[in-house]
C-alpha cells in the first residue's frame, strides 16, 4: 500500500496519509530506517529537512519491513520510486 507524505518534521521523520496500521496500533508519523539525520539543535538539521521535503512532500512512499513503533513513529524501511529512502541520504548513514 502506498502512503502520501503530508508533512516533514525533520530530515528523518514525516507524516503520511492514510494512517498506517501495525500490531493493532495506528498512526501517521514515520521514522525511516537506515539513516539518521541531524536533530533540530545540530548543524545541518535544516538542510536535511529541506532535502526530505523536496524529495517526498506530497509524493507517495511504500512502507515495508516494520521494526517497531518508537515515540509513536513507525520505524520501517521506506521506499520512494522503487528505491530505499536511506539510499538518498548516504551522508547520514
C-alpha atoms as a PDB file:
ATOM      1  CA  UNK A   1       0.000   0.000   0.000  1.00  0.00           C
ATOM      2  CA  UNK A   2       1.228   3.480  -0.816  1.00  0.00           C
ATOM      3  CA  UNK A   3       1.069   6.436   1.532  1.00  0.00           C
ATOM      4  CA  UNK A   4       1.200  10.142   0.625  1.00  0.00           C
ATOM      5  CA  UNK A   5       3.672  12.252   2.590  1.00  0.00           C
ATOM      6  CA  UNK A   6       1.728  15.166   4.059  1.00  0.00           C
ATOM      7  CA  UNK A   7       4.385  16.920   6.138  1.00  0.00           C
ATOM      8  CA  UNK A   8       8.042  16.678   7.084  1.00  0.00           C
ATOM      9  CA  UNK A   9       9.107  17.102  10.707  1.00  0.00           C
ATOM     10  CA  UNK A  10      12.854  16.901  10.135  1.00  0.00           C
ATOM     11  CA  UNK A  11      15.346  15.065   7.958  1.00  0.00           C
ATOM     12  CA  UNK A  12      14.230  11.641   9.132  1.00  0.00           C
ATOM     13  CA  UNK A  13      10.622  11.994  10.284  1.00  0.00           C
ATOM     14  CA  UNK A  14       7.471  12.628   8.276  1.00  0.00           C
ATOM     15  CA  UNK A  15       3.695  12.184   8.355  1.00  0.00           C
ATOM     16  CA  UNK A  16       1.597  10.189   5.905  1.00  0.00           C
ATOM     17  CA  UNK A  17      -1.993   9.640   4.878  1.00  0.00           C
ATOM     18  CA  UNK A  18      -3.825   7.348   5.245  1.00  0.00           C
ATOM     19  CA  UNK A  19      -2.706   6.277   8.698  1.00  0.00           C
ATOM     20  CA  UNK A  20      -0.517   3.185   8.892  1.00  0.00           C
ATOM     21  CA  UNK A  21      -1.626   0.215  10.960  1.00  0.00           C
ATOM     22  CA  UNK A  22       0.707  -2.248  12.623  1.00  0.00           C
ATOM     23  CA  UNK A  23       0.485  -4.529  15.645  1.00  0.00           C
ATOM     24  CA  UNK A  24      -3.041  -3.320  16.494  1.00  0.00           C
ATOM     25  CA  UNK A  25      -1.854   0.293  16.511  1.00  0.00           C
ATOM     26  CA  UNK A  26      -2.364   3.137  14.077  1.00  0.00           C
ATOM     27  CA  UNK A  27      -0.678   6.456  13.413  1.00  0.00           C
ATOM     28  CA  UNK A  28       0.639   8.759  10.754  1.00  0.00           C
ATOM     29  CA  UNK A  29       4.260   9.503  11.734  1.00  0.00           C
ATOM     30  CA  UNK A  30       7.076   7.520  10.134  1.00  0.00           C
ATOM     31  CA  UNK A  31      10.759   7.210  11.049  1.00  0.00           C
ATOM     32  CA  UNK A  32      12.695   5.683   8.109  1.00  0.00           C
ATOM     33  CA  UNK A  33      15.258   3.020   8.869  1.00  0.00           C
ATOM     34  CA  UNK A  34      18.807   3.157   7.550  1.00  0.00           C
ATOM     35  CA  UNK A  35      19.940   6.718   8.195  1.00  0.00           C
ATOM     36  CA  UNK A  36      19.994   9.293  10.984  1.00  0.00           C
ATOM     37  CA  UNK A  37      19.709  12.971  10.017  1.00  0.00           C
ATOM     38  CA  UNK A  38      20.807  15.767  12.377  1.00  0.00           C
ATOM     39  CA  UNK A  39      18.448  16.735  15.187  1.00  0.00           C
ATOM     40  CA  UNK A  40      16.915  20.219  15.450  1.00  0.00           C
ATOM     41  CA  UNK A  41      19.745  21.502  17.645  1.00  0.00           C
ATOM     42  CA  UNK A  42      22.528  20.054  15.445  1.00  0.00           C
ATOM     43  CA  UNK A  43      24.273  21.634  12.455  1.00  0.00           C
ATOM     44  CA  UNK A  44      22.804  20.509   9.145  1.00  0.00           C
ATOM     45  CA  UNK A  45      19.283  19.969  10.502  1.00  0.00           C
ATOM     46  CA  UNK A  46      17.606  22.500   8.216  1.00  0.00           C
ATOM     47  CA  UNK A  47      19.406  21.234   5.101  1.00  0.00           C
ATOM     48  CA  UNK A  48      18.353  17.633   5.841  1.00  0.00           C
ATOM     49  CA  UNK A  49      14.738  18.676   6.427  1.00  0.00           C
ATOM     50  CA  UNK A  50      14.633  20.679   3.199  1.00  0.00           C
ATOM     51  CA  UNK A  51      16.144  17.791   1.237  1.00  0.00           C
ATOM     52  CA  UNK A  52      13.465  15.412   2.537  1.00  0.00           C
ATOM     53  CA  UNK A  53      10.728  17.955   1.767  1.00  0.00           C
ATOM     54  CA  UNK A  54      11.952  18.410  -1.816  1.00  0.00           C
ATOM     55  CA  UNK A  55      12.139  14.659  -2.279  1.00  0.00           C
ATOM     56  CA  UNK A  56       8.911  13.459  -0.643  1.00  0.00           C
ATOM     57  CA  UNK A  57       6.388  16.161   0.214  1.00  0.00           C
ATOM     58  CA  UNK A  58       3.060  15.277  -1.448  1.00  0.00           C
ATOM     59  CA  UNK A  59       4.647  12.202  -3.063  1.00  0.00           C
ATOM     60  CA  UNK A  60       3.838   8.548  -2.433  1.00  0.00           C
ATOM     61  CA  UNK A  61       6.004   6.104  -0.497  1.00  0.00           C
ATOM     62  CA  UNK A  62       5.805   2.417   0.404  1.00  0.00           C
ATOM     63  CA  UNK A  63       6.373   1.321   3.998  1.00  0.00           C
ATOM     64  CA  UNK A  64       7.964  -2.110   4.411  1.00  0.00           C
ATOM     65  CA  UNK A  65       9.749  -4.297   6.961  1.00  0.00           C
ATOM     66  CA  UNK A  66       8.373  -2.681  10.095  1.00  0.00           C
ATOM     67  CA  UNK A  67      10.687  -2.997  13.087  1.00  0.00           C
ATOM     68  CA  UNK A  68       8.691  -1.337  15.873  1.00  0.00           C
ATOM     69  CA  UNK A  69       6.813   1.734  16.976  1.00  0.00           C
ATOM     70  CA  UNK A  70       9.050   4.175  18.785  1.00  0.00           C
ATOM     71  CA  UNK A  71       7.846   7.524  20.178  1.00  0.00           C
ATOM     72  CA  UNK A  72       4.564   6.981  18.253  1.00  0.00           C
ATOM     73  CA  UNK A  73       6.525   6.702  14.988  1.00  0.00           C
ATOM     74  CA  UNK A  74       6.537   3.643  12.757  1.00  0.00           C
ATOM     75  CA  UNK A  75      10.172   2.563  12.315  1.00  0.00           C
ATOM     76  CA  UNK A  76      10.448   0.819   8.954  1.00  0.00           C
ATOM     77  CA  UNK A  77      12.076   0.741   5.543  1.00  0.00           C
ATOM     78  CA  UNK A  78      10.676   3.457   3.297  1.00  0.00           C
ATOM     79  CA  UNK A  79      10.721   3.162  -0.473  1.00  0.00           C
ATOM     80  CA  UNK A  80      10.300   6.050  -2.873  1.00  0.00           C
ATOM     81  CA  UNK A  81      10.260   5.489  -6.609  1.00  0.00           C
ATOM     82  CA  UNK A  82      11.327   1.867  -6.027  1.00  0.00           C
ATOM     83  CA  UNK A  83      14.453   2.865  -4.076  1.00  0.00           C
ATOM     84  CA  UNK A  84      15.131   2.655  -0.339  1.00  0.00           C
ATOM     85  CA  UNK A  85      14.928   6.166   1.132  1.00  0.00           C
ATOM     86  CA  UNK A  86      18.208   5.624   3.002  1.00  0.00           C
ATOM     87  CA  UNK A  87      19.958   5.465  -0.392  1.00  0.00           C
ATOM     88  CA  UNK A  88      19.018   9.102  -0.963  1.00  0.00           C
ATOM     89  CA  UNK A  89      20.815  10.087   2.254  1.00  0.00           C
ATOM     90  CA  UNK A  90      24.275   8.463   2.154  1.00  0.00           C
ATOM     91  CA  UNK A  91      25.710  11.395   4.112  1.00  0.00           C
ATOM     92  CA  UNK A  92      23.730  10.266   7.182  1.00  0.00           C
ATOM     93  CA  UNK A  93      24.395   6.521   7.114  1.00  0.00           C
END
